[in-house]
Amino acid sequence: MIPIPVYPEDLFTDEALLDLHPRYRELWELGPAVWLESHQMCALPF
C-alpha cells in the first residue's frame, strides 16, 4: 500500500482563507491525494 501524504494545517483559518495559493501549492506538491489531518478527510488537489 502506498502511504498518503499528510497535511496537518487547517485550511479554513482566517489566515489561510486570506492567502490560499501557497497552501494549494503545498497540497499539489504533496501528491494527487493528501490526508487533511485537521479535517480528517482526503483532498484531491487538482
N, C-alpha and C. Protein backbone atom coordinates (compact mmCIF):
# COMPACT_ATOMS: atom_id res chain seq x y z
N MET A 1 0.84 -1.17 0.00
CA MET A 1 0.00 0.00 0.00
C MET A 1 0.89 1.25 0.00
N ILE A 2 0.55 2.20 -0.81
CA ILE A 2 1.31 3.45 -0.89
C ILE A 2 0.78 4.41 0.18
N PRO A 3 1.68 4.97 1.00
CA PRO A 3 1.22 5.91 2.04
C PRO A 3 0.73 7.22 1.42
N ILE A 4 -0.32 7.77 2.00
CA ILE A 4 -0.86 9.05 1.55
C ILE A 4 -0.18 10.16 2.36
N PRO A 5 0.34 11.19 1.69
CA PRO A 5 0.95 12.30 2.44
C PRO A 5 -0.07 13.00 3.33
N VAL A 6 0.41 13.55 4.42
CA VAL A 6 -0.46 14.21 5.41
C VAL A 6 -0.18 15.71 5.39
N TYR A 7 -1.26 16.50 5.39
CA TYR A 7 -1.17 17.95 5.51
C TYR A 7 -1.80 18.31 6.84
N PRO A 8 -1.01 18.79 7.83
CA PRO A 8 -1.52 18.98 9.18
C PRO A 8 -2.26 20.30 9.42
N GLU A 9 -2.07 21.29 8.55
CA GLU A 9 -2.64 22.62 8.81
C GLU A 9 -4.13 22.69 8.49
N ASP A 10 -4.81 23.58 9.17
CA ASP A 10 -6.23 23.84 8.93
C ASP A 10 -6.37 24.81 7.76
N LEU A 11 -7.07 24.41 6.73
CA LEU A 11 -7.24 25.25 5.54
C LEU A 11 -8.32 26.32 5.71
N PHE A 12 -9.04 26.28 6.81
CA PHE A 12 -10.16 27.20 6.98
C PHE A 12 -9.97 28.22 8.10
N THR A 13 -8.73 28.48 8.48
CA THR A 13 -8.48 29.57 9.42
C THR A 13 -8.60 30.89 8.66
N ASP A 14 -8.77 31.98 9.37
CA ASP A 14 -8.85 33.28 8.72
C ASP A 14 -7.60 33.57 7.91
N GLU A 15 -6.44 33.27 8.49
CA GLU A 15 -5.17 33.50 7.81
C GLU A 15 -5.06 32.68 6.52
N ALA A 16 -5.45 31.42 6.58
CA ALA A 16 -5.38 30.56 5.41
C ALA A 16 -6.34 31.02 4.32
N LEU A 17 -7.53 31.41 4.70
CA LEU A 17 -8.51 31.83 3.71
C LEU A 17 -8.13 33.13 3.01
N LEU A 18 -7.35 33.96 3.68
CA LEU A 18 -6.91 35.22 3.06
C LEU A 18 -5.79 35.02 2.04
N ASP A 19 -5.10 33.88 2.13
CA ASP A 19 -3.98 33.63 1.21
C ASP A 19 -3.89 32.12 0.94
N LEU A 20 -4.79 31.62 0.11
CA LEU A 20 -4.87 30.18 -0.14
C LEU A 20 -3.84 29.64 -1.12
N HIS A 21 -3.35 30.45 -2.02
CA HIS A 21 -2.48 29.93 -3.09
C HIS A 21 -1.25 29.19 -2.60
N PRO A 22 -0.52 29.68 -1.59
CA PRO A 22 0.64 28.91 -1.11
C PRO A 22 0.23 27.56 -0.53
N ARG A 23 -0.90 27.51 0.13
CA ARG A 23 -1.36 26.24 0.71
C ARG A 23 -1.78 25.26 -0.37
N TYR A 24 -2.48 25.75 -1.38
CA TYR A 24 -2.86 24.88 -2.50
C TYR A 24 -1.62 24.35 -3.21
N ARG A 25 -0.59 25.19 -3.33
CA ARG A 25 0.65 24.75 -3.97
C ARG A 25 1.28 23.63 -3.15
N GLU A 26 1.29 23.78 -1.83
CA GLU A 26 1.83 22.73 -0.96
C GLU A 26 1.07 21.42 -1.14
N LEU A 27 -0.26 21.50 -1.18
CA LEU A 27 -1.07 20.30 -1.38
C LEU A 27 -0.75 19.65 -2.71
N TRP A 28 -0.68 20.46 -3.75
CA TRP A 28 -0.41 19.95 -5.09
C TRP A 28 0.95 19.26 -5.15
N GLU A 29 1.94 19.85 -4.47
CA GLU A 29 3.28 19.27 -4.47
C GLU A 29 3.36 17.97 -3.66
N LEU A 30 2.46 17.80 -2.70
CA LEU A 30 2.46 16.58 -1.90
C LEU A 30 2.00 15.36 -2.71
N GLY A 31 1.12 15.57 -3.68
CA GLY A 31 0.68 14.44 -4.49
C GLY A 31 -0.78 14.52 -4.89
N PRO A 32 -1.25 13.50 -5.60
CA PRO A 32 -2.62 13.51 -6.13
C PRO A 32 -3.70 13.29 -5.08
N ALA A 33 -3.32 12.76 -3.92
CA ALA A 33 -4.26 12.60 -2.81
C ALA A 33 -3.51 12.95 -1.52
N VAL A 34 -4.14 13.75 -0.67
CA VAL A 34 -3.50 14.22 0.56
C VAL A 34 -4.49 14.08 1.70
N TRP A 35 -4.02 13.56 2.83
CA TRP A 35 -4.86 13.45 4.03
C TRP A 35 -4.79 14.78 4.77
N LEU A 36 -5.95 15.41 4.99
CA LEU A 36 -6.04 16.65 5.75
C LEU A 36 -6.27 16.29 7.21
N GLU A 37 -5.21 16.29 7.97
CA GLU A 37 -5.26 15.83 9.36
C GLU A 37 -6.27 16.62 10.18
N SER A 38 -6.29 17.94 10.04
CA SER A 38 -7.18 18.75 10.87
C SER A 38 -8.65 18.59 10.52
N HIS A 39 -8.95 18.03 9.34
CA HIS A 39 -10.33 17.83 8.92
C HIS A 39 -10.73 16.37 8.83
N GLN A 40 -9.75 15.48 9.05
CA GLN A 40 -9.98 14.03 9.00
C GLN A 40 -10.64 13.61 7.69
N MET A 41 -10.03 14.06 6.58
CA MET A 41 -10.57 13.72 5.26
C MET A 41 -9.45 13.82 4.21
N CYS A 42 -9.68 13.22 3.07
CA CYS A 42 -8.73 13.30 1.96
C CYS A 42 -9.10 14.45 1.04
N ALA A 43 -8.08 15.03 0.42
CA ALA A 43 -8.27 16.06 -0.60
C ALA A 43 -7.60 15.59 -1.88
N LEU A 44 -8.18 15.96 -2.99
CA LEU A 44 -7.60 15.66 -4.30
C LEU A 44 -7.26 16.99 -4.96
N PRO A 45 -6.05 17.50 -4.69
CA PRO A 45 -5.70 18.82 -5.23
C PRO A 45 -5.43 18.75 -6.72
N PHE A 46 -6.28 19.34 -7.49
CA PHE A 46 -6.12 19.33 -8.95
C PHE A 46 -5.33 20.54 -9.37
